[in-house]
All heavy atoms as atom14 arrays in JSON, in Angstrom:
{
  "sequence": "ADQLEVYLPENQPEFKADIVVANILAQPLRELHEIILGFLKPQG",
  "atom14_mask": [
    [1, 1, 1, 1, 1, 0, 0, 0, 0, 0, 0, 0, 0, 0],
    [1, 1, 1, 1, 1, 1, 1, 1, 0, 0, 0, 0, 0, 0],
    [1, 1, 1, 1, 1, 1, 1, 1, 1, 0, 0, 0, 0, 0],
    [1, 1, 1, 1, 1, 1, 1, 1, 0, 0, 0, 0, 0, 0],
    [1, 1, 1, 1, 1, 1, 1, 1, 1, 0, 0, 0, 0, 0],
    [1, 1, 1, 1, 1, 1, 1, 0, 0, 0, 0, 0, 0, 0],
    [1, 1, 1, 1, 1, 1, 1, 1, 1, 1, 1, 1, 0, 0],
    [1, 1, 1, 1, 1, 1, 1, 1, 0, 0, 0, 0, 0, 0],
    [1, 1, 1, 1, 1, 1, 1, 0, 0, 0, 0, 0, 0, 0],
    [1, 1, 1, 1, 1, 1, 1, 1, 1, 0, 0, 0, 0, 0],
    [1, 1, 1, 1, 1, 1, 1, 1, 0, 0, 0, 0, 0, 0],
    [1, 1, 1, 1, 1, 1, 1, 1, 1, 0, 0, 0, 0, 0],
    [1, 1, 1, 1, 1, 1, 1, 0, 0, 0, 0, 0, 0, 0],
    [1, 1, 1, 1, 1, 1, 1, 1, 1, 0, 0, 0, 0, 0],
    [1, 1, 1, 1, 1, 1, 1, 1, 1, 1, 1, 0, 0, 0],
    [1, 1, 1, 1, 1, 1, 1, 1, 1, 0, 0, 0, 0, 0],
    [1, 1, 1, 1, 1, 0, 0, 0, 0, 0, 0, 0, 0, 0],
    [1, 1, 1, 1, 1, 1, 1, 1, 0, 0, 0, 0, 0, 0],
    [1, 1, 1, 1, 1, 1, 1, 1, 0, 0, 0, 0, 0, 0],
    [1, 1, 1, 1, 1, 1, 1, 0, 0, 0, 0, 0, 0, 0],
    [1, 1, 1, 1, 1, 1, 1, 0, 0, 0, 0, 0, 0, 0],
    [1, 1, 1, 1, 1, 0, 0, 0, 0, 0, 0, 0, 0, 0],
    [1, 1, 1, 1, 1, 1, 1, 1, 0, 0, 0, 0, 0, 0],
    [1, 1, 1, 1, 1, 1, 1, 1, 0, 0, 0, 0, 0, 0],
    [1, 1, 1, 1, 1, 1, 1, 1, 0, 0, 0, 0, 0, 0],
    [1, 1, 1, 1, 1, 0, 0, 0, 0, 0, 0, 0, 0, 0],
    [1, 1, 1, 1, 1, 1, 1, 1, 1, 0, 0, 0, 0, 0],
    [1, 1, 1, 1, 1, 1, 1, 0, 0, 0, 0, 0, 0, 0],
    [1, 1, 1, 1, 1, 1, 1, 1, 0, 0, 0, 0, 0, 0],
    [1, 1, 1, 1, 1, 1, 1, 1, 1, 1, 1, 0, 0, 0],
    [1, 1, 1, 1, 1, 1, 1, 1, 1, 0, 0, 0, 0, 0],
    [1, 1, 1, 1, 1, 1, 1, 1, 0, 0, 0, 0, 0, 0],
    [1, 1, 1, 1, 1, 1, 1, 1, 1, 1, 0, 0, 0, 0],
    [1, 1, 1, 1, 1, 1, 1, 1, 1, 0, 0, 0, 0, 0],
    [1, 1, 1, 1, 1, 1, 1, 1, 0, 0, 0, 0, 0, 0],
    [1, 1, 1, 1, 1, 1, 1, 1, 0, 0, 0, 0, 0, 0],
    [1, 1, 1, 1, 1, 1, 1, 1, 0, 0, 0, 0, 0, 0],
    [1, 1, 1, 1, 0, 0, 0, 0, 0, 0, 0, 0, 0, 0],
    [1, 1, 1, 1, 1, 1, 1, 1, 1, 1, 1, 0, 0, 0],
    [1, 1, 1, 1, 1, 1, 1, 1, 0, 0, 0, 0, 0, 0],
    [1, 1, 1, 1, 1, 1, 1, 1, 1, 0, 0, 0, 0, 0],
    [1, 1, 1, 1, 1, 1, 1, 0, 0, 0, 0, 0, 0, 0],
    [1, 1, 1, 1, 1, 1, 1, 1, 1, 0, 0, 0, 0, 0],
    [1, 1, 1, 1, 0, 0, 0, 0, 0, 0, 0, 0, 0, 0]
  ],
  "atom14_positions": [
    [[9.91, 16.59, -2.46], [8.49, 16.79, -2.3], [7.77, 16.47, -3.58], [6.6, 16.03, -3.56], [8.21, 18.2, -1.82], [0.0, 0.0, 0.0], [0.0, 0.0, 0.0], [0.0, 0.0, 0.0], [0.0, 0.0, 0.0], [0.0, 0.0, 0.0], [0.0, 0.0, 0.0], [0.0, 0.0, 0.0], [0.0, 0.0, 0.0], [0.0, 0.0, 0.0]],
    [[8.39, 16.66, -4.77], [7.71, 16.48, -6.01], [7.59, 14.96, -6.36], [6.88, 14.62, -7.25], [8.49, 17.2, -7.16], [9.92, 16.75, -7.31], [10.45, 16.25, -6.36], [10.48, 16.91, -8.43], [0.0, 0.0, 0.0], [0.0, 0.0, 0.0], [0.0, 0.0, 0.0], [0.0, 0.0, 0.0], [0.0, 0.0, 0.0], [0.0, 0.0, 0.0]],
    [[8.29, 14.09, -5.67], [8.22, 12.66, -5.94], [7.38, 11.93, -4.81], [7.18, 10.68, -4.99], [9.61, 12.1, -5.91], [10.48, 12.57, -7.13], [11.86, 12.23, -6.92], [12.78, 12.92, -6.44], [12.23, 10.97, -7.39], [0.0, 0.0, 0.0], [0.0, 0.0, 0.0], [0.0, 0.0, 0.0], [0.0, 0.0, 0.0], [0.0, 0.0, 0.0]],
    [[6.97, 12.57, -3.79], [6.23, 11.93, -2.72], [4.72, 12.43, -2.77], [4.46, 13.65, -2.66], [6.82, 12.24, -1.36], [6.09, 11.65, -0.15], [6.19, 10.11, -0.14], [6.64, 12.25, 1.17], [0.0, 0.0, 0.0], [0.0, 0.0, 0.0], [0.0, 0.0, 0.0], [0.0, 0.0, 0.0], [0.0, 0.0, 0.0], [0.0, 0.0, 0.0]],
    [[3.83, 11.47, -2.81], [2.43, 11.8, -2.67], [1.88, 11.14, -1.44], [2.22, 10.0, -1.17], [1.61, 11.24, -3.94], [2.13, 11.68, -5.28], [1.6, 10.81, -6.41], [0.39, 10.36, -6.3], [2.29, 10.59, -7.38], [0.0, 0.0, 0.0], [0.0, 0.0, 0.0], [0.0, 0.0, 0.0], [0.0, 0.0, 0.0], [0.0, 0.0, 0.0]],
    [[1.0, 11.79, -0.74], [0.47, 11.27, 0.54], [-1.06, 11.28, 0.51], [-1.64, 12.33, 0.05], [1.06, 11.91, 1.79], [2.54, 11.58, 1.94], [0.86, 13.39, 1.73], [0.0, 0.0, 0.0], [0.0, 0.0, 0.0], [0.0, 0.0, 0.0], [0.0, 0.0, 0.0], [0.0, 0.0, 0.0], [0.0, 0.0, 0.0], [0.0, 0.0, 0.0]],
    [[-1.67, 10.31, 1.01], [-3.11, 10.19, 1.04], [-3.64, 9.51, 2.31], [-2.96, 8.65, 2.87], [-3.58, 9.27, -0.2], [-3.18, 9.84, -1.48], [-2.0, 9.28, -2.11], [-3.91, 10.76, -2.22], [-1.61, 9.77, -3.41], [-3.55, 11.2, -3.46], [-2.41, 10.73, -4.03], [-2.01, 11.15, -5.27], [0.0, 0.0, 0.0], [0.0, 0.0, 0.0]],
    [[-4.85, 9.92, 2.7], [-5.63, 9.11, 3.63], [-6.18, 7.95, 2.83], [-6.41, 8.04, 1.6], [-6.73, 9.98, 4.22], [-6.39, 11.12, 5.1], [-7.59, 11.97, 5.39], [-5.69, 10.66, 6.34], [0.0, 0.0, 0.0], [0.0, 0.0, 0.0], [0.0, 0.0, 0.0], [0.0, 0.0, 0.0], [0.0, 0.0, 0.0], [0.0, 0.0, 0.0]],
    [[-6.49, 6.81, 3.5], [-6.91, 5.62, 2.76], [-8.19, 5.86, 1.87], [-8.16, 5.4, 0.69], [-7.28, 4.64, 3.84], [-6.41, 5.05, 5.03], [-6.28, 6.49, 4.93], [0.0, 0.0, 0.0], [0.0, 0.0, 0.0], [0.0, 0.0, 0.0], [0.0, 0.0, 0.0], [0.0, 0.0, 0.0], [0.0, 0.0, 0.0], [0.0, 0.0, 0.0]],
    [[-9.09, 6.73, 2.33], [-10.28, 6.96, 1.48], [-9.99, 7.81, 0.23], [-10.83, 7.87, -0.7], [-11.37, 7.61, 2.33], [-10.95, 8.95, 2.93], [-10.42, 8.85, 4.35], [-9.84, 7.8, 4.67], [-10.59, 9.83, 5.14], [0.0, 0.0, 0.0], [0.0, 0.0, 0.0], [0.0, 0.0, 0.0], [0.0, 0.0, 0.0], [0.0, 0.0, 0.0]],
    [[-8.81, 8.45, 0.19], [-8.51, 9.31, -0.96], [-7.43, 8.73, -1.9], [-7.09, 9.37, -2.9], [-8.02, 10.7, -0.46], [-9.09, 11.41, 0.37], [-10.27, 11.22, 0.11], [-8.67, 12.14, 1.36], [0.0, 0.0, 0.0], [0.0, 0.0, 0.0], [0.0, 0.0, 0.0], [0.0, 0.0, 0.0], [0.0, 0.0, 0.0], [0.0, 0.0, 0.0]],
    [[-6.9, 7.57, -1.58], [-5.83, 7.04, -2.32], [-6.21, 6.72, -3.75], [-7.32, 6.19, -4.0], [-5.16, 5.83, -1.69], [-6.1, 4.63, -1.63], [-5.64, 3.61, -0.68], [-5.14, 3.89, 0.38], [-5.93, 2.34, -0.99], [0.0, 0.0, 0.0], [0.0, 0.0, 0.0], [0.0, 0.0, 0.0], [0.0, 0.0, 0.0], [0.0, 0.0, 0.0]],
    [[-5.33, 6.92, -4.73], [-5.68, 6.62, -6.12], [-5.48, 5.13, -6.35], [-4.88, 4.39, -5.61], [-4.7, 7.46, -6.98], [-3.52, 7.53, -6.02], [-4.01, 7.58, -4.64], [0.0, 0.0, 0.0], [0.0, 0.0, 0.0], [0.0, 0.0, 0.0], [0.0, 0.0, 0.0], [0.0, 0.0, 0.0], [0.0, 0.0, 0.0], [0.0, 0.0, 0.0]],
    [[-5.98, 4.64, -7.53], [-5.72, 3.28, -7.98], [-4.4, 3.23, -8.69], [-4.16, 4.03, -9.61], [-6.84, 2.79, -8.82], [-8.19, 2.57, -8.09], [-9.24, 1.94, -8.92], [-8.92, 1.4, -10.05], [-10.39, 1.95, -8.49], [0.0, 0.0, 0.0], [0.0, 0.0, 0.0], [0.0, 0.0, 0.0], [0.0, 0.0, 0.0], [0.0, 0.0, 0.0]],
    [[-3.55, 2.34, -8.43], [-2.27, 2.15, -9.01], [-1.67, 0.8, -8.64], [-2.15, 0.13, -7.74], [-1.32, 3.29, -8.61], [-1.07, 3.31, -7.15], [-0.06, 2.6, -6.59], [-1.91, 4.09, -6.24], [0.19, 2.6, -5.23], [-1.7, 4.0, -4.9], [-0.66, 3.3, -4.37], [0.0, 0.0, 0.0], [0.0, 0.0, 0.0], [0.0, 0.0, 0.0]],
    [[-0.6, 0.45, -9.28], [0.2, -0.73, -8.99], [1.65, -0.3, -8.78], [2.15, 0.46, -9.57], [0.1, -1.82, -10.11], [-1.25, -2.38, -10.22], [-1.64, -3.31, -9.05], [-2.95, -4.02, -9.3], [-3.29, -4.96, -8.15], [0.0, 0.0, 0.0], [0.0, 0.0, 0.0], [0.0, 0.0, 0.0], [0.0, 0.0, 0.0], [0.0, 0.0, 0.0]],
    [[2.25, -0.84, -7.71], [3.6, -0.45, -7.37], [4.54, -1.62, -7.54], [4.15, -2.75, -7.46], [3.65, 0.09, -5.95], [0.0, 0.0, 0.0], [0.0, 0.0, 0.0], [0.0, 0.0, 0.0], [0.0, 0.0, 0.0], [0.0, 0.0, 0.0], [0.0, 0.0, 0.0], [0.0, 0.0, 0.0], [0.0, 0.0, 0.0], [0.0, 0.0, 0.0]],
    [[5.81, -1.25, -7.63], [6.84, -2.34, -7.68], [7.2, -2.86, -6.28], [7.58, -4.01, -6.16], [8.09, -1.75, -8.32], [7.83, -1.16, -9.75], [7.59, -1.97, -10.65], [7.87, 0.12, -9.83], [0.0, 0.0, 0.0], [0.0, 0.0, 0.0], [0.0, 0.0, 0.0], [0.0, 0.0, 0.0], [0.0, 0.0, 0.0], [0.0, 0.0, 0.0]],
    [[7.03, -1.95, -5.31], [7.53, -2.3, -3.94], [6.53, -1.78, -2.97], [6.06, -0.59, -3.13], [8.91, -1.75, -3.7], [9.98, -2.55, -4.51], [9.28, -1.74, -2.2], [11.33, -1.94, -4.5], [0.0, 0.0, 0.0], [0.0, 0.0, 0.0], [0.0, 0.0, 0.0], [0.0, 0.0, 0.0], [0.0, 0.0, 0.0], [0.0, 0.0, 0.0]],
    [[6.25, -2.51, -1.89], [5.47, -2.05, -0.78], [6.22, -2.26, 0.49], [6.81, -3.32, 0.7], [4.14, -2.76, -0.64], [3.47, -2.44, 0.7], [3.17, -2.33, -1.81], [0.0, 0.0, 0.0], [0.0, 0.0, 0.0], [0.0, 0.0, 0.0], [0.0, 0.0, 0.0], [0.0, 0.0, 0.0], [0.0, 0.0, 0.0], [0.0, 0.0, 0.0]],
    [[6.31, -1.23, 1.35], [6.86, -1.33, 2.67], [5.79, -0.98, 3.69], [5.17, 0.09, 3.55], [8.23, -0.58, 2.87], [8.01, 0.91, 2.59], [8.8, -0.86, 4.18], [0.0, 0.0, 0.0], [0.0, 0.0, 0.0], [0.0, 0.0, 0.0], [0.0, 0.0, 0.0], [0.0, 0.0, 0.0], [0.0, 0.0, 0.0], [0.0, 0.0, 0.0]],
    [[5.47, -1.78, 4.68], [4.45, -1.5, 5.56], [4.97, -1.74, 7.02], [5.12, -2.9, 7.45], [3.24, -2.49, 5.32], [0.0, 0.0, 0.0], [0.0, 0.0, 0.0], [0.0, 0.0, 0.0], [0.0, 0.0, 0.0], [0.0, 0.0, 0.0], [0.0, 0.0, 0.0], [0.0, 0.0, 0.0], [0.0, 0.0, 0.0], [0.0, 0.0, 0.0]],
    [[5.21, -0.62, 7.69], [5.68, -0.69, 9.08], [4.53, -0.32, 9.98], [4.43, 0.91, 10.38], [6.87, 0.17, 9.29], [7.47, 0.14, 10.63], [7.24, -0.82, 11.34], [8.26, 1.18, 11.06], [0.0, 0.0, 0.0], [0.0, 0.0, 0.0], [0.0, 0.0, 0.0], [0.0, 0.0, 0.0], [0.0, 0.0, 0.0], [0.0, 0.0, 0.0]],
    [[3.63, -1.23, 10.24], [2.5, -0.89, 11.13], [2.42, -1.88, 12.3], [3.33, -1.84, 13.14], [1.18, -0.83, 10.31], [1.04, -2.07, 9.3], [1.1, 0.41, 9.49], [-0.27, -2.11, 8.56], [0.0, 0.0, 0.0], [0.0, 0.0, 0.0], [0.0, 0.0, 0.0], [0.0, 0.0, 0.0], [0.0, 0.0, 0.0], [0.0, 0.0, 0.0]],
    [[1.52, -2.77, 12.4], [1.43, -3.75, 13.39], [0.92, -5.05, 12.87], [0.27, -5.12, 11.83], [0.49, -3.25, 14.56], [0.99, -2.12, 15.41], [-0.17, -1.58, 16.3], [2.17, -2.54, 16.26], [0.0, 0.0, 0.0], [0.0, 0.0, 0.0], [0.0, 0.0, 0.0], [0.0, 0.0, 0.0], [0.0, 0.0, 0.0], [0.0, 0.0, 0.0]],
    [[1.15, -6.17, 13.58], [0.74, -7.47, 13.14], [-0.76, -7.58, 12.79], [-1.13, -8.13, 11.82], [1.13, -8.52, 14.11], [0.0, 0.0, 0.0], [0.0, 0.0, 0.0], [0.0, 0.0, 0.0], [0.0, 0.0, 0.0], [0.0, 0.0, 0.0], [0.0, 0.0, 0.0], [0.0, 0.0, 0.0], [0.0, 0.0, 0.0], [0.0, 0.0, 0.0]],
    [[-1.62, -7.11, 13.74], [-3.07, -7.25, 13.52], [-3.53, -6.57, 12.24], [-4.19, -7.23, 11.42], [-3.78, -6.76, 14.73], [-5.32, -6.96, 14.59], [-6.05, -6.64, 15.89], [-5.47, -6.72, 16.96], [-7.31, -6.21, 15.7], [0.0, 0.0, 0.0], [0.0, 0.0, 0.0], [0.0, 0.0, 0.0], [0.0, 0.0, 0.0], [0.0, 0.0, 0.0]],
    [[-3.21, -5.28, 12.01], [-3.67, -4.7, 10.71], [-3.0, -5.3, 9.51], [-3.55, -5.36, 8.42], [-3.32, -3.2, 10.91], [-2.41, -3.13, 12.04], [-2.69, -4.24, 12.92], [0.0, 0.0, 0.0], [0.0, 0.0, 0.0], [0.0, 0.0, 0.0], [0.0, 0.0, 0.0], [0.0, 0.0, 0.0], [0.0, 0.0, 0.0], [0.0, 0.0, 0.0]],
    [[-1.74, -5.76, 9.64], [-1.1, -6.46, 8.57], [-1.85, -7.69, 8.13], [-2.05, -7.98, 6.94], [0.32, -6.82, 8.87], [1.39, -5.73, 8.88], [2.66, -6.21, 9.48], [1.58, -5.22, 7.47], [0.0, 0.0, 0.0], [0.0, 0.0, 0.0], [0.0, 0.0, 0.0], [0.0, 0.0, 0.0], [0.0, 0.0, 0.0], [0.0, 0.0, 0.0]],
    [[-2.37, -8.4, 9.11], [-3.18, -9.62, 8.77], [-4.55, -9.2, 8.26], [-4.99, -9.72, 7.2], [-3.36, -10.46, 10.05], [-2.09, -11.13, 10.52], [-2.38, -12.11, 11.64], [-2.83, -11.45, 12.85], [-2.05, -11.22, 13.96], [-0.79, -11.55, 13.91], [-2.6, -10.64, 15.01], [0.0, 0.0, 0.0], [0.0, 0.0, 0.0], [0.0, 0.0, 0.0]],
    [[-5.24, -8.25, 8.84], [-6.58, -7.88, 8.49], [-6.62, -7.2, 7.17], [-7.63, -7.29, 6.45], [-7.16, -6.98, 9.59], [-7.42, -7.67, 10.93], [-7.99, -6.71, 11.96], [-8.0, -5.52, 11.71], [-8.38, -7.18, 13.05], [0.0, 0.0, 0.0], [0.0, 0.0, 0.0], [0.0, 0.0, 0.0], [0.0, 0.0, 0.0], [0.0, 0.0, 0.0]],
    [[-5.61, -6.43, 6.83], [-5.54, -5.63, 5.61], [-4.74, -6.24, 4.48], [-4.38, -5.54, 3.54], [-5.08, -4.25, 5.9], [-5.83, -3.47, 6.99], [-5.15, -2.08, 7.28], [-7.23, -3.18, 6.54], [0.0, 0.0, 0.0], [0.0, 0.0, 0.0], [0.0, 0.0, 0.0], [0.0, 0.0, 0.0], [0.0, 0.0, 0.0], [0.0, 0.0, 0.0]],
    [[-4.49, -7.59, 4.6], [-3.53, -8.17, 3.62], [-4.04, -8.05, 2.15], [-3.23, -7.85, 1.28], [-3.22, -9.62, 3.99], [-4.4, -10.58, 3.77], [-5.43, -10.75, 4.68], [-4.72, -11.4, 2.76], [-6.26, -11.61, 4.19], [-5.92, -12.03, 3.01], [0.0, 0.0, 0.0], [0.0, 0.0, 0.0], [0.0, 0.0, 0.0], [0.0, 0.0, 0.0]],
    [[-5.3, -8.12, 1.95], [-5.82, -8.02, 0.57], [-5.63, -6.59, 0.01], [-5.22, -6.48, -1.14], [-7.31, -8.39, 0.55], [-7.56, -9.87, 0.81], [-9.03, -10.25, 0.67], [-9.86, -9.27, 0.48], [-9.38, -11.4, 0.71], [0.0, 0.0, 0.0], [0.0, 0.0, 0.0], [0.0, 0.0, 0.0], [0.0, 0.0, 0.0], [0.0, 0.0, 0.0]],
    [[-5.83, -5.62, 0.86], [-5.64, -4.21, 0.44], [-4.13, -3.96, 0.22], [-3.73, -3.39, -0.86], [-6.17, -3.24, 1.49], [-7.66, -3.35, 1.63], [-5.68, -1.84, 1.23], [-8.23, -2.58, 2.77], [0.0, 0.0, 0.0], [0.0, 0.0, 0.0], [0.0, 0.0, 0.0], [0.0, 0.0, 0.0], [0.0, 0.0, 0.0], [0.0, 0.0, 0.0]],
    [[-3.23, -4.44, 1.1], [-1.82, -4.25, 0.92], [-1.32, -4.91, -0.29], [-0.54, -4.34, -1.04], [-1.09, -4.66, 2.23], [-1.49, -3.76, 3.45], [0.42, -4.63, 2.07], [-1.06, -4.33, 4.74], [0.0, 0.0, 0.0], [0.0, 0.0, 0.0], [0.0, 0.0, 0.0], [0.0, 0.0, 0.0], [0.0, 0.0, 0.0], [0.0, 0.0, 0.0]],
    [[-1.7, -6.21, -0.43], [-1.2, -6.88, -1.59], [-1.77, -6.38, -2.92], [-1.16, -6.47, -3.97], [-1.59, -8.36, -1.48], [-0.8, -9.17, -0.38], [-1.48, -10.48, -0.16], [0.61, -9.35, -0.82], [0.0, 0.0, 0.0], [0.0, 0.0, 0.0], [0.0, 0.0, 0.0], [0.0, 0.0, 0.0], [0.0, 0.0, 0.0], [0.0, 0.0, 0.0]],
    [[-2.94, -5.73, -2.84], [-3.58, -5.13, -4.02], [-2.75, -4.0, -4.63], [-2.95, -3.66, -5.78], [0.0, 0.0, 0.0], [0.0, 0.0, 0.0], [0.0, 0.0, 0.0], [0.0, 0.0, 0.0], [0.0, 0.0, 0.0], [0.0, 0.0, 0.0], [0.0, 0.0, 0.0], [0.0, 0.0, 0.0], [0.0, 0.0, 0.0], [0.0, 0.0, 0.0]],
    [[-1.81, -3.39, -3.89], [-0.95, -2.38, -4.43], [0.16, -2.9, -5.35], [0.78, -2.15, -6.09], [-0.32, -1.61, -3.27], [-1.25, -0.72, -2.47], [-1.26, -0.93, -1.08], [-2.15, 0.14, -3.03], [-2.19, -0.2, -0.28], [-3.01, 0.87, -2.27], [-3.05, 0.72, -0.89], [0.0, 0.0, 0.0], [0.0, 0.0, 0.0], [0.0, 0.0, 0.0]],
    [[0.48, -4.19, -5.19], [1.7, -4.75, -5.83], [1.44, -5.3, -7.18], [0.46, -6.05, -7.46], [2.26, -5.8, -4.9], [3.21, -5.4, -3.82], [3.55, -6.6, -2.92], [4.51, -4.81, -4.43], [0.0, 0.0, 0.0], [0.0, 0.0, 0.0], [0.0, 0.0, 0.0], [0.0, 0.0, 0.0], [0.0, 0.0, 0.0], [0.0, 0.0, 0.0]],
    [[2.46, -5.04, -8.08], [2.44, -5.73, -9.37], [2.89, -7.19, -9.13], [3.47, -7.55, -8.13], [3.52, -5.06, -10.23], [3.21, -3.56, -10.59], [4.34, -3.0, -11.39], [4.1, -1.54, -11.69], [5.27, -0.93, -12.47], [0.0, 0.0, 0.0], [0.0, 0.0, 0.0], [0.0, 0.0, 0.0], [0.0, 0.0, 0.0], [0.0, 0.0, 0.0]],
    [[2.66, -8.1, -10.18], [3.27, -9.45, -10.06], [4.75, -9.27, -9.98], [5.37, -8.41, -10.57], [2.81, -10.05, -11.38], [1.6, -9.32, -11.75], [1.76, -7.87, -11.33], [0.0, 0.0, 0.0], [0.0, 0.0, 0.0], [0.0, 0.0, 0.0], [0.0, 0.0, 0.0], [0.0, 0.0, 0.0], [0.0, 0.0, 0.0], [0.0, 0.0, 0.0]],
    [[5.33, -10.16, -9.12], [6.78, -10.13, -8.92], [7.24, -8.89, -8.14], [8.4, -8.45, -8.21], [7.57, -10.31, -10.16], [7.35, -11.62, -10.96], [7.88, -12.84, -10.03], [9.07, -13.08, -10.04], [6.92, -13.58, -9.44], [0.0, 0.0, 0.0], [0.0, 0.0, 0.0], [0.0, 0.0, 0.0], [0.0, 0.0, 0.0], [0.0, 0.0, 0.0]],
    [[6.21, -8.21, -7.54], [6.61, -7.07, -6.65], [7.15, -7.54, -5.29], [6.79, -8.57, -4.8], [0.0, 0.0, 0.0], [0.0, 0.0, 0.0], [0.0, 0.0, 0.0], [0.0, 0.0, 0.0], [0.0, 0.0, 0.0], [0.0, 0.0, 0.0], [0.0, 0.0, 0.0], [0.0, 0.0, 0.0], [0.0, 0.0, 0.0], [0.0, 0.0, 0.0]]
  ]
}
């Protein structure tokens, strides 16, 4: 529990991650691609 943080989208902090995993649906994956990719560092 001390290593997992959870947020609603409107409350999420700004950060860059090494890895993103998104198990949702094709339509939101397409529509939200800029947001999803915005979490990733270069070469993430």
